[in-house]
């Protein structure tokens, strides 16, 4: 017994799209562009911005001595102290990531 209704298609729009609209989603053969560099630069910029804002939020002056003769003050050294904070945060992030990678390698070696 045949029905007079047309066959349903898988399209959610009931084939309302034109041919050019359908071709927008076809593969071009080009590899997708990696956005890792953009993400890395964005994260670095945000981290640098935060390191410049942190000394401004803290009202008291903080003095950090790197060597016996070279000290940084958060109120007088407007550029060097935030850079010190930035590099400290970067070193901590790299240390945590390095510990993660090392732990993962050791975990894979121990796994039987």
PDB file of N, CA and C in Angstrom:
ATOM      1  N   UNK A   1       0.838  -1.174   0.000  1.00  0.00           N
ATOM      2  CA  UNK A   1       0.000   0.000   0.000  1.00  0.00           C
ATOM      3  C   UNK A   1       0.889   1.245   0.000  1.00  0.00           C
ATOM      4  N   UNK A   2       0.738   2.030  -1.023  1.00  0.00           N
ATOM      5  CA  UNK A   2       1.552   3.225  -1.144  1.00  0.00           C
ATOM      6  C   UNK A   2       0.861   4.409  -0.504  1.00  0.00           C
ATOM      7  N   UNK A   3       1.714   5.322   0.029  1.00  0.00           N
ATOM      8  CA  UNK A   3       1.175   6.552   0.613  1.00  0.00           C
ATOM      9  C   UNK A   3       1.463   7.696  -0.334  1.00  0.00           C
ATOM     10  N   UNK A   4       0.630   8.691  -0.268  1.00  0.00           N
ATOM     11  CA  UNK A   4       0.807   9.832  -1.160  1.00  0.00           C
ATOM     12  C   UNK A   4       1.753  10.880  -0.564  1.00  0.00           C
ATOM     13  N   UNK A   5       2.216  10.670   0.671  1.00  0.00           N
ATOM     14  CA  UNK A   5       3.112  11.642   1.289  1.00  0.00           C
ATOM     15  C   UNK A   5       4.522  11.478   0.718  1.00  0.00           C
ATOM     16  N   UNK A   6       5.225  12.607   0.529  1.00  0.00           N
ATOM     17  CA  UNK A   6       6.598  12.497   0.014  1.00  0.00           C
ATOM     18  C   UNK A   6       7.521  11.889   1.081  1.00  0.00           C
ATOM     19  N   UNK A   7       8.596  11.310   0.596  1.00  0.00           N
ATOM     20  CA  UNK A   7       9.555  10.677   1.489  1.00  0.00           C
ATOM     21  C   UNK A   7      10.237  11.741   2.351  1.00  0.00           C
ATOM     22  N   UNK A   8      10.345  11.475   3.660  1.00  0.00           N
ATOM     23  CA  UNK A   8      10.983  12.427   4.571  1.00  0.00           C
ATOM     24  C   UNK A   8      12.490  12.403   4.374  1.00  0.00           C
ATOM     25  N   UNK A   9      13.109  13.549   4.446  1.00  0.00           N
ATOM     26  CA  UNK A   9      14.551  13.638   4.332  1.00  0.00           C
ATOM     27  C   UNK A   9      15.144  13.881   5.711  1.00  0.00           C
ATOM     28  N   UNK A  10      16.467  13.723   5.826  1.00  0.00           N
ATOM     29  CA  UNK A  10      17.140  13.885   7.112  1.00  0.00           C
ATOM     30  C   UNK A  10      17.337  15.350   7.472  1.00  0.00           C
ATOM     31  N   UNK A  11      17.158  16.241   6.515  1.00  0.00           N
ATOM     32  CA  UNK A  11      17.409  17.654   6.751  1.00  0.00           C
ATOM     33  C   UNK A  11      16.414  18.225   7.750  1.00  0.00           C
ATOM     34  N   UNK A  12      16.930  18.998   8.686  1.00  0.00           N
ATOM     35  CA  UNK A  12      16.066  19.629   9.680  1.00  0.00           C
ATOM     36  C   UNK A  12      15.299  20.816   9.102  1.00  0.00           C
ATOM     37  N   UNK A  13      15.763  21.335   7.961  1.00  0.00           N
ATOM     38  CA  UNK A  13      15.096  22.483   7.366  1.00  0.00           C
ATOM     39  C   UNK A  13      14.168  22.077   6.225  1.00  0.00           C
ATOM     40  N   UNK A  14      13.900  20.791   6.058  1.00  0.00           N
ATOM     41  CA  UNK A  14      13.047  20.298   4.968  1.00  0.00           C
ATOM     42  C   UNK A  14      13.541  20.787   3.611  1.00  0.00           C
ATOM     43  N   UNK A  15      14.851  20.707   3.423  1.00  0.00           N
ATOM     44  CA  UNK A  15      15.485  21.092   2.153  1.00  0.00           C
ATOM     45  C   UNK A  15      15.176  22.528   1.749  1.00  0.00           C
ATOM     46  N   UNK A  16      15.116  23.414   2.680  1.00  0.00           N
ATOM     47  CA  UNK A  16      14.852  24.818   2.369  1.00  0.00           C
ATOM     48  C   UNK A  16      16.127  25.562   1.988  1.00  0.00           C
ATOM     49  N   UNK A  17      17.297  24.933   2.215  1.00  0.00           N
ATOM     50  CA  UNK A  17      18.550  25.599   1.861  1.00  0.00           C
ATOM     51  C   UNK A  17      18.795  25.510   0.368  1.00  0.00           C
ATOM     52  N   UNK A  18      19.431  26.541  -0.155  1.00  0.00           N
ATOM     53  CA  UNK A  18      19.787  26.542  -1.573  1.00  0.00           C
ATOM     54  C   UNK A  18      21.084  25.750  -1.768  1.00  0.00           C
ATOM     55  N   UNK A  19      21.466  25.563  -3.006  1.00  0.00           N
ATOM     56  CA  UNK A  19      22.675  24.791  -3.311  1.00  0.00           C
ATOM     57  C   UNK A  19      23.926  25.504  -2.799  1.00  0.00           C
ATOM     58  N   UNK A  20      23.961  26.823  -2.896  1.00  0.00           N
ATOM     59  CA  UNK A  20      25.128  27.561  -2.402  1.00  0.00           C
ATOM     60  C   UNK A  20      25.228  27.480  -0.883  1.00  0.00           C
ATOM     61  N   UNK A  21      24.081  27.472  -0.205  1.00  0.00           N
ATOM     62  CA  UNK A  21      24.115  27.329   1.255  1.00  0.00           C
ATOM     63  C   UNK A  21      24.591  25.944   1.658  1.00  0.00           C
ATOM     64  N   UNK A  22      24.251  24.928   0.873  1.00  0.00           N
ATOM     65  CA  UNK A  22      24.721  23.577   1.168  1.00  0.00           C
ATOM     66  C   UNK A  22      26.219  23.455   0.931  1.00  0.00           C
ATOM     67  N   UNK A  23      26.714  24.136  -0.082  1.00  0.00           N
ATOM     68  CA  UNK A  23      28.137  24.046  -0.414  1.00  0.00           C
ATOM     69  C   UNK A  23      29.022  24.751   0.612  1.00  0.00           C
ATOM     70  N   UNK A  24      28.467  25.594   1.442  1.00  0.00           N
ATOM     71  CA  UNK A  24      29.267  26.272   2.456  1.00  0.00           C
ATOM     72  C   UNK A  24      29.891  25.286   3.436  1.00  0.00           C
ATOM     73  N   UNK A  25      29.261  24.163   3.656  1.00  0.00           N
ATOM     74  CA  UNK A  25      29.714  23.216   4.667  1.00  0.00           C
ATOM     75  C   UNK A  25      30.521  22.063   4.082  1.00  0.00           C
ATOM     76  N   UNK A  26      30.774  22.082   2.788  1.00  0.00           N
ATOM     77  CA  UNK A  26      31.574  21.024   2.183  1.00  0.00           C
ATOM     78  C   UNK A  26      33.045  21.238   2.497  1.00  0.00           C
ATOM     79  N   UNK A  27      33.777  20.151   2.572  1.00  0.00           N
ATOM     80  CA  UNK A  27      35.213  20.227   2.866  1.00  0.00           C
ATOM     81  C   UNK A  27      35.949  20.866   1.699  1.00  0.00           C
ATOM     82  N   UNK A  28      36.883  21.732   2.016  1.00  0.00           N
ATOM     83  CA  UNK A  28      37.646  22.424   0.973  1.00  0.00           C
ATOM     84  C   UNK A  28      38.934  21.699   0.644  1.00  0.00           C
ATOM     85  N   UNK A  29      39.338  20.762   1.466  1.00  0.00           N
ATOM     86  CA  UNK A  29      40.593  20.063   1.253  1.00  0.00           C
ATOM     87  C   UNK A  29      41.760  20.744   1.933  1.00  0.00           C
ATOM     88  N   UNK A  30      41.553  21.931   2.456  1.00  0.00           N
ATOM     89  CA  UNK A  30      42.613  22.642   3.158  1.00  0.00           C
ATOM     90  C   UNK A  30      42.627  22.184   4.615  1.00  0.00           C
ATOM     91  N   UNK A  31      43.811  22.047   5.199  1.00  0.00           N
ATOM     92  CA  UNK A  31      43.848  21.679   6.619  1.00  0.00           C
ATOM     93  C   UNK A  31      43.370  22.842   7.492  1.00  0.00           C
ATOM     94  N   UNK A  32      42.776  22.511   8.594  1.00  0.00           N
ATOM     95  CA  UNK A  32      42.298  23.554   9.499  1.00  0.00           C
ATOM     96  C   UNK A  32      43.485  24.302  10.091  1.00  0.00           C
ATOM     97  N   UNK A  33      43.326  25.607  10.224  1.00  0.00           N
ATOM     98  CA  UNK A  33      44.406  26.420  10.775  1.00  0.00           C
ATOM     99  C   UNK A  33      44.508  26.191  12.273  1.00  0.00           C
ATOM    100  N   UNK A  34      45.734  26.102  12.743  1.00  0.00           N
ATOM    101  CA  UNK A  34      45.968  25.912  14.170  1.00  0.00           C
ATOM    102  C   UNK A  34      45.835  27.252  14.880  1.00  0.00           C
ATOM    103  N   UNK A  35      45.081  27.262  15.942  1.00  0.00           N
ATOM    104  CA  UNK A  35      44.882  28.492  16.698  1.00  0.00           C
ATOM    105  C   UNK A  35      45.705  28.499  17.982  1.00  0.00           C
ATOM    106  N   UNK A  36      46.684  27.592  18.087  1.00  0.00           N
ATOM    107  CA  UNK A  36      47.485  27.505  19.303  1.00  0.00           C
ATOM    108  C   UNK A  36      48.280  28.777  19.553  1.00  0.00           C
ATOM    109  N   UNK A  37      48.817  29.371  18.498  1.00  0.00           N
ATOM    110  CA  UNK A  37      49.621  30.593  18.660  1.00  0.00           C
ATOM    111  C   UNK A  37      48.738  31.733  19.154  1.00  0.00           C
ATOM    112  N   UNK A  38      47.531  31.826  18.605  1.00  0.00           N
ATOM    113  CA  UNK A  38      46.610  32.881  19.024  1.00  0.00           C
ATOM    114  C   UNK A  38      46.213  32.701  20.493  1.00  0.00           C
ATOM    115  N   UNK A  39      45.943  31.448  20.878  1.00  0.00           N
ATOM    116  CA  UNK A  39      45.578  31.179  22.266  1.00  0.00           C
ATOM    117  C   UNK A  39      46.744  31.460  23.212  1.00  0.00           C
ATOM    118  N   UNK A  40      47.954  31.092  22.805  1.00  0.00           N
ATOM    119  CA  UNK A  40      49.130  31.323  23.635  1.00  0.00           C
ATOM    120  C   UNK A  40      49.389  32.816  23.813  1.00  0.00           C
ATOM    121  N   UNK A  41      49.250  33.582  22.734  1.00  0.00           N
ATOM    122  CA  UNK A  41      49.452  35.029  22.837  1.00  0.00           C
ATOM    123  C   UNK A  41      48.351  35.685  23.681  1.00  0.00           C
ATOM    124  N   UNK A  42      47.128  35.208  23.559  1.00  0.00           N
ATOM    125  CA  UNK A  42      46.036  35.749  24.370  1.00  0.00           C
ATOM    126  C   UNK A  42      46.254  35.458  25.847  1.00  0.00           C
ATOM    127  N   UNK A  43      46.648  34.231  26.156  1.00  0.00           N
ATOM    128  CA  UNK A  43      46.893  33.866  27.555  1.00  0.00           C
ATOM    129  C   UNK A  43      48.061  34.655  28.124  1.00  0.00           C
ATOM    130  N   UNK A  44      49.102  34.862  27.323  1.00  0.00           N
ATOM    131  CA  UNK A  44      50.249  35.645  27.780  1.00  0.00           C
ATOM    132  C   UNK A  44      49.846  37.096  28.019  1.00  0.00           C
ATOM    133  N   UNK A  45      49.050  37.661  27.131  1.00  0.00           N
ATOM    134  CA  UNK A  45      48.584  39.035  27.297  1.00  0.00           C
ATOM    135  C   UNK A  45      47.717  39.206  28.535  1.00  0.00           C
ATOM    136  N   UNK A  46      46.825  38.253  28.765  1.00  0.00           N
ATOM    137  CA  UNK A  46      45.964  38.328  29.951  1.00  0.00           C
ATOM    138  C   UNK A  46      46.797  38.187  31.218  1.00  0.00           C
ATOM    139  N   UNK A  47      47.767  37.269  31.185  1.00  0.00           N
ATOM    140  CA  UNK A  47      48.635  37.080  32.350  1.00  0.00           C
ATOM    141  C   UNK A  47      49.475  38.324  32.616  1.00  0.00           C
ATOM    142  N   UNK A  48      49.942  38.973  31.568  1.00  0.00           N
ATOM    143  CA  UNK A  48      50.711  40.206  31.719  1.00  0.00           C
ATOM    144  C   UNK A  48      49.833  41.326  32.269  1.00  0.00           C
ATOM    145  N   UNK A  49      48.601  41.409  31.797  1.00  0.00           N
ATOM    146  CA  UNK A  49      47.664  42.412  32.302  1.00  0.00           C
ATOM    147  C   UNK A  49      47.371  42.190  33.785  1.00  0.00           C
ATOM    148  N   UNK A  50      47.168  40.941  34.165  1.00  0.00           N
ATOM    149  CA  UNK A  50      46.898  40.626  35.572  1.00  0.00           C
ATOM    150  C   UNK A  50      48.109  40.961  36.431  1.00  0.00           C
ATOM    151  N   UNK A  51      49.312  40.686  35.927  1.00  0.00           N
ATOM    152  CA  UNK A  51      50.510  40.987  36.713  1.00  0.00           C
ATOM    153  C   UNK A  51      50.712  42.493  36.875  1.00  0.00           C
ATOM    154  N   UNK A  52      50.217  43.301  35.946  1.00  0.00           N
ATOM    155  CA  UNK A  52      50.288  44.750  36.111  1.00  0.00           C
ATOM    156  C   UNK A  52      49.184  45.251  37.049  1.00  0.00           C
ATOM    157  N   UNK A  53      48.060  44.554  37.095  1.00  0.00           N
ATOM    158  CA  UNK A  53      46.962  44.989  37.960  1.00  0.00           C
ATOM    159  C   UNK A  53      47.146  44.580  39.422  1.00  0.00           C
ATOM    160  N   UNK A  54      47.804  43.458  39.671  1.00  0.00           N
ATOM    161  CA  UNK A  54      47.953  42.979  41.048  1.00  0.00           C
ATOM    162  C   UNK A  54      48.636  43.988  41.974  1.00  0.00           C
ATOM    163  N   UNK A  55      49.757  44.604  41.594  1.00  0.00           N
ATOM    164  CA  UNK A  55      50.366  45.601  42.494  1.00  0.00           C
ATOM    165  C   UNK A  55      49.488  46.838  42.703  1.00  0.00           C
ATOM    166  N   UNK A  56      48.655  47.162  41.717  1.00  0.00           N
ATOM    167  CA  UNK A  56      47.772  48.325  41.862  1.00  0.00           C
ATOM    168  C   UNK A  56      46.651  48.051  42.865  1.00  0.00           C
ATOM    169  N   UNK A  57      46.214  46.782  42.950  1.00  0.00           N
ATOM    170  CA  UNK A  57      45.133  46.434  43.871  1.00  0.00           C
ATOM    171  C   UNK A  57      45.600  46.392  45.318  1.00  0.00           C
ATOM    172  N   UNK A  58      46.874  46.084  45.532  1.00  0.00           N
ATOM    173  CA  UNK A  58      47.419  45.990  46.885  1.00  0.00           C
ATOM    174  C   UNK A  58      47.953  47.361  47.278  1.00  0.00           C
ATOM    175  N   UNK A  59      47.439  47.928  48.353  1.00  0.00           N
ATOM    176  CA  UNK A  59      47.758  49.318  48.693  1.00  0.00           C
ATOM    177  C   UNK A  59      49.142  49.494  49.308  1.00  0.00           C
ATOM    178  N   UNK A  60      49.613  48.510  50.064  1.00  0.00           N
ATOM    179  CA  UNK A  60      50.921  48.646  50.715  1.00  0.00           C
ATOM    180  C   UNK A  60      52.050  48.415  49.720  1.00  0.00           C
ATOM    181  N   UNK A  61      53.182  49.054  49.995  1.00  0.00           N
ATOM    182  CA  UNK A  61      54.353  48.862  49.151  1.00  0.00           C
ATOM    183  C   UNK A  61      55.026  47.546  49.522  1.00  0.00           C
ATOM    184  N   UNK A  62      55.377  46.770  48.504  1.00  0.00           N
ATOM    185  CA  UNK A  62      56.045  45.485  48.704  1.00  0.00           C
ATOM    186  C   UNK A  62      57.429  45.588  48.091  1.00  0.00           C
ATOM    187  N   UNK A  63      58.431  45.161  48.859  1.00  0.00           N
ATOM    188  CA  UNK A  63      59.801  45.182  48.379  1.00  0.00           C
ATOM    189  C   UNK A  63      60.298  43.752  48.258  1.00  0.00           C
ATOM    190  N   UNK A  64      60.845  43.432  47.089  1.00  0.00           N
ATOM    191  CA  UNK A  64      61.394  42.101  46.824  1.00  0.00           C
ATOM    192  C   UNK A  64      62.842  42.281  46.422  1.00  0.00           C
ATOM    193  N   UNK A  65      63.740  41.601  47.124  1.00  0.00           N
ATOM    194  CA  UNK A  65      65.159  41.668  46.787  1.00  0.00           C
ATOM    195  C   UNK A  65      65.552  40.410  46.024  1.00  0.00           C
ATOM    196  N   UNK A  66      65.996  40.589  44.796  1.00  0.00           N
ATOM    197  CA  UNK A  66      66.426  39.470  43.968  1.00  0.00           C
ATOM    198  C   UNK A  66      67.853  39.094  44.344  1.00  0.00           C
ATOM    199  N   UNK A  67      68.712  40.083  44.499  1.00  0.00           N
ATOM    200  CA  UNK A  67      70.060  39.883  45.032  1.00  0.00           C
ATOM    201  C   UNK A  67      70.229  40.818  46.213  1.00  0.00           C
ATOM    202  N   UNK A  68      71.419  40.832  46.796  1.00  0.00           N
ATOM    203  CA  UNK A  68      71.663  41.717  47.939  1.00  0.00           C
ATOM    204  C   UNK A  68      71.624  43.184  47.551  1.00  0.00           C
ATOM    205  N   UNK A  69      71.942  43.482  46.307  1.00  0.00           N
ATOM    206  CA  UNK A  69      72.013  44.882  45.877  1.00  0.00           C
ATOM    207  C   UNK A  69      70.853  45.294  44.974  1.00  0.00           C
ATOM    208  N   UNK A  70      70.088  44.349  44.463  1.00  0.00           N
ATOM    209  CA  UNK A  70      69.018  44.669  43.511  1.00  0.00           C
ATOM    210  C   UNK A  70      67.664  44.332  44.136  1.00  0.00           C
ATOM    211  N   UNK A  71      66.920  45.387  44.508  1.00  0.00           N
ATOM    212  CA  UNK A  71      65.597  45.211  45.109  1.00  0.00           C
ATOM    213  C   UNK A  71      64.553  45.927  44.255  1.00  0.00           C
ATOM    214  N   UNK A  72      63.360  45.358  44.240  1.00  0.00           N
ATOM    215  CA  UNK A  72      62.246  45.947  43.503  1.00  0.00           C
ATOM    216  C   UNK A  72      61.163  46.366  44.483  1.00  0.00           C
ATOM    217  N   UNK A  73      60.635  47.572  44.281  1.00  0.00           N
ATOM    218  CA  UNK A  73      59.551  48.071  45.109  1.00  0.00           C
ATOM    219  C   UNK A  73      58.305  48.176  44.235  1.00  0.00           C
ATOM    220  N   UNK A  74      57.167  47.755  44.776  1.00  0.00           N
ATOM    221  CA  UNK A  74      55.944  47.743  43.969  1.00  0.00           C
ATOM    222  C   UNK A  74      55.420  49.141  43.659  1.00  0.00           C
ATOM    223  N   UNK A  75      55.799  50.133  44.436  1.00  0.00           N
ATOM    224  CA  UNK A  75      55.315  51.500  44.185  1.00  0.00           C
ATOM    225  C   UNK A  75      56.259  52.300  43.293  1.00  0.00           C
ATOM    226  N   UNK A  76      57.560  52.099  43.445  1.00  0.00           N
ATOM    227  CA  UNK A  76      58.503  52.908  42.663  1.00  0.00           C
ATOM    228  C   UNK A  76      58.868  52.264  41.330  1.00  0.00           C
ATOM    229  N   UNK A  77      59.014  50.959  41.302  1.00  0.00           N
ATOM    230  CA  UNK A  77      59.365  50.255  40.067  1.00  0.00           C
ATOM    231  C   UNK A  77      58.077  49.801  39.366  1.00  0.00           C
ATOM    232  N   UNK A  78      57.513  50.703  38.598  1.00  0.00           N
ATOM    233  CA  UNK A  78      56.196  50.474  37.996  1.00  0.00           C
ATOM    234  C   UNK A  78      56.253  49.419  36.887  1.00  0.00           C
ATOM    235  N   UNK A  79      57.377  49.302  36.210  1.00  0.00           N
ATOM    236  CA  UNK A  79      57.496  48.341  35.114  1.00  0.00           C
ATOM    237  C   UNK A  79      58.182  47.053  35.579  1.00  0.00           C
ATOM    238  N   UNK A  80      59.252  47.180  36.329  1.00  0.00           N
ATOM    239  CA  UNK A  80      60.040  45.998  36.693  1.00  0.00           C
ATOM    240  C   UNK A  80      59.316  45.077  37.668  1.00  0.00           C
ATOM    241  N   UNK A  81      58.589  45.629  38.630  1.00  0.00           N
ATOM    242  CA  UNK A  81      57.913  44.781  39.609  1.00  0.00           C
ATOM    243  C   UNK A  81      56.802  43.942  38.964  1.00  0.00           C
ATOM    244  N   UNK A  82      55.936  44.491  38.105  1.00  0.00           N
ATOM    245  CA  UNK A  82      54.958  43.630  37.421  1.00  0.00           C
ATOM    246  C   UNK A  82      55.611  42.581  36.516  1.00  0.00           C
ATOM    247  N   UNK A  83      56.734  42.917  35.884  1.00  0.00           N
ATOM    248  CA  UNK A  83      57.432  41.916  35.091  1.00  0.00           C
ATOM    249  C   UNK A  83      57.973  40.800  35.977  1.00  0.00           C
ATOM    250  N   UNK A  84      58.444  41.147  37.173  1.00  0.00           N
ATOM    251  CA  UNK A  84      58.885  40.141  38.142  1.00  0.00           C
ATOM    252  C   UNK A  84      57.713  39.234  38.523  1.00  0.00           C
ATOM    253  N   UNK A  85      56.552  39.819  38.771  1.00  0.00           N
ATOM    254  CA  UNK A  85      55.355  39.033  39.109  1.00  0.00           C
ATOM    255  C   UNK A  85      54.974  38.145  37.923  1.00  0.00           C
ATOM    256  N   UNK A  86      55.013  38.674  36.706  1.00  0.00           N
ATOM    257  CA  UNK A  86      54.672  37.909  35.507  1.00  0.00           C
ATOM    258  C   UNK A  86      55.589  36.701  35.355  1.00  0.00           C
ATOM    259  N   UNK A  87      56.903  36.926  35.446  1.00  0.00           N
ATOM    260  CA  UNK A  87      57.836  35.816  35.266  1.00  0.00           C
ATOM    261  C   UNK A  87      57.739  34.803  36.398  1.00  0.00           C
ATOM    262  N   UNK A  88      57.395  35.256  37.595  1.00  0.00           N
ATOM    263  CA  UNK A  88      57.181  34.321  38.700  1.00  0.00           C
ATOM    264  C   UNK A  88      55.974  33.424  38.426  1.00  0.00           C
ATOM    265  N   UNK A  89      54.893  33.997  37.938  1.00  0.00           N
ATOM    266  CA  UNK A  89      53.703  33.213  37.605  1.00  0.00           C
ATOM    267  C   UNK A  89      54.000  32.243  36.464  1.00  0.00           C
ATOM    268  N   UNK A  90      54.756  32.693  35.458  1.00  0.00           N
ATOM    269  CA  UNK A  90      55.107  31.828  34.327  1.00  0.00           C
ATOM    270  C   UNK A  90      55.964  30.665  34.799  1.00  0.00           C
ATOM    271  N   UNK A  91      56.922  30.916  35.685  1.00  0.00           N
ATOM    272  CA  UNK A  91      57.773  29.846  36.212  1.00  0.00           C
ATOM    273  C   UNK A  91      56.945  28.835  36.997  1.00  0.00           C
ATOM    274  N   UNK A  92      55.988  29.309  37.774  1.00  0.00           N
ATOM    275  CA  UNK A  92      55.125  28.393  38.533  1.00  0.00           C
ATOM    276  C   UNK A  92      54.269  27.547  37.597  1.00  0.00           C
ATOM    277  N   UNK A  93      53.705  28.161  36.566  1.00  0.00           N
ATOM    278  CA  UNK A  93      52.880  27.415  35.603  1.00  0.00           C
ATOM    279  C   UNK A  93      53.725  26.372  34.875  1.00  0.00           C
ATOM    280  N   UNK A  94      54.935  26.746  34.454  1.00  0.00           N
ATOM    281  CA  UNK A  94      55.809  25.794  33.769  1.00  0.00           C
ATOM    282  C   UNK A  94      56.250  24.661  34.696  1.00  0.00           C
ATOM    283  N   UNK A  95      56.463  24.961  35.968  1.00  0.00           N
ATOM    284  CA  UNK A  95      56.848  23.921  36.922  1.00  0.00           C
ATOM    285  C   UNK A  95      55.709  22.930  37.134  1.00  0.00           C
ATOM    286  N   UNK A  96      54.476  23.431  37.244  1.00  0.00           N
ATOM    287  CA  UNK A  96      53.325  22.545  37.413  1.00  0.00           C
ATOM    288  C   UNK A  96      53.127  21.697  36.157  1.00  0.00           C
ATOM    289  N   UNK A  97      53.257  22.294  34.983  1.00  0.00           N
ATOM    290  CA  UNK A  97      53.109  21.538  33.739  1.00  0.00           C
ATOM    291  C   UNK A  97      54.216  20.493  33.595  1.00  0.00           C
ATOM    292  N   UNK A  98      55.448  20.873  33.949  1.00  0.00           N
ATOM    293  CA  UNK A  98      56.560  19.918  33.896  1.00  0.00           C
ATOM    294  C   UNK A  98      56.347  18.756  34.856  1.00  0.00           C
ATOM    295  N   UNK A  99      55.835  19.032  36.049  1.00  0.00           N
ATOM    296  CA  UNK A  99      55.543  17.960  37.000  1.00  0.00           C
ATOM    297  C   UNK A  99      54.447  17.050  36.470  1.00  0.00           C
ATOM    298  N   UNK A 100      53.457  17.623  35.785  1.00  0.00           N
ATOM    299  CA  UNK A 100      52.382  16.832  35.193  1.00  0.00           C
ATOM    300  C   UNK A 100      52.930  15.897  34.120  1.00  0.00           C
ATOM    301  N   UNK A 101      53.760  16.429  33.222  1.00  0.00           N
ATOM    302  CA  UNK A 101      54.320  15.618  32.134  1.00  0.00           C
ATOM    303  C   UNK A 101      55.218  14.529  32.707  1.00  0.00           C
ATOM    304  N   UNK A 102      56.057  14.875  33.659  1.00  0.00           N
ATOM    305  CA  UNK A 102      56.948  13.887  34.270  1.00  0.00           C
ATOM    306  C   UNK A 102      56.144  12.812  34.997  1.00  0.00           C
ATOM    307  N   UNK A 103      55.118  13.212  35.729  1.00  0.00           N
ATOM    308  CA  UNK A 103      54.272  12.250  36.423  1.00  0.00           C
ATOM    309  C   UNK A 103      53.536  11.338  35.463  1.00  0.00           C
ATOM    310  N   UNK A 104      53.107  11.879  34.326  1.00  0.00           N
ATOM    311  CA  UNK A 104      52.414  11.064  33.328  1.00  0.00           C
ATOM    312  C   UNK A 104      53.358  10.042  32.719  1.00  0.00           C
ATOM    313  N   UNK A 105      54.601  10.445  32.444  1.00  0.00           N
ATOM    314  CA  UNK A 105      55.578   9.500  31.889  1.00  0.00           C
ATOM    315  C   UNK A 105      55.912   8.413  32.898  1.00  0.00           C
ATOM    316  N   UNK A 106      56.097   8.786  34.148  1.00  0.00           N
ATOM    317  CA  UNK A 106      56.408   7.793  35.175  1.00  0.00           C
ATOM    318  C   UNK A 106      55.214   6.860  35.369  1.00  0.00           C
ATOM    319  N   UNK A 107      54.010   7.418  35.343  1.00  0.00           N
ATOM    320  CA  UNK A 107      52.803   6.602  35.473  1.00  0.00           C
ATOM    321  C   UNK A 107      52.656   5.607  34.340  1.00  0.00           C
ATOM    322  N   UNK A 108      53.014   6.012  33.128  1.00  0.00           N
ATOM    323  CA  UNK A 108      52.936   5.095  31.988  1.00  0.00           C
ATOM    324  C   UNK A 108      53.996   4.005  32.070  1.00  0.00           C
ATOM    325  N   UNK A 109      55.141   4.319  32.640  1.00  0.00           N
ATOM    326  CA  UNK A 109      56.206   3.325  32.797  1.00  0.00           C
ATOM    327  C   UNK A 109      55.851   2.305  33.879  1.00  0.00           C
ATOM    328  N   UNK A 110      55.217   2.755  34.949  1.00  0.00           N
ATOM    329  CA  UNK A 110      54.878   1.863  36.058  1.00  0.00           C
ATOM    330  C   UNK A 110      53.697   0.970  35.703  1.00  0.00           C
ATOM    331  N   UNK A 111      52.783   1.487  34.882  1.00  0.00           N
ATOM    332  CA  UNK A 111      51.578   0.723  34.520  1.00  0.00           C
ATOM    333  C   UNK A 111      51.966  -0.584  33.841  1.00  0.00           C
ATOM    334  N   UNK A 112      51.370  -1.676  34.301  1.00  0.00           N
ATOM    335  CA  UNK A 112      51.703  -3.005  33.755  1.00  0.00           C
ATOM    336  C   UNK A 112      50.649  -3.461  32.791  1.00  0.00           C
TER     337      UNK A 112
END
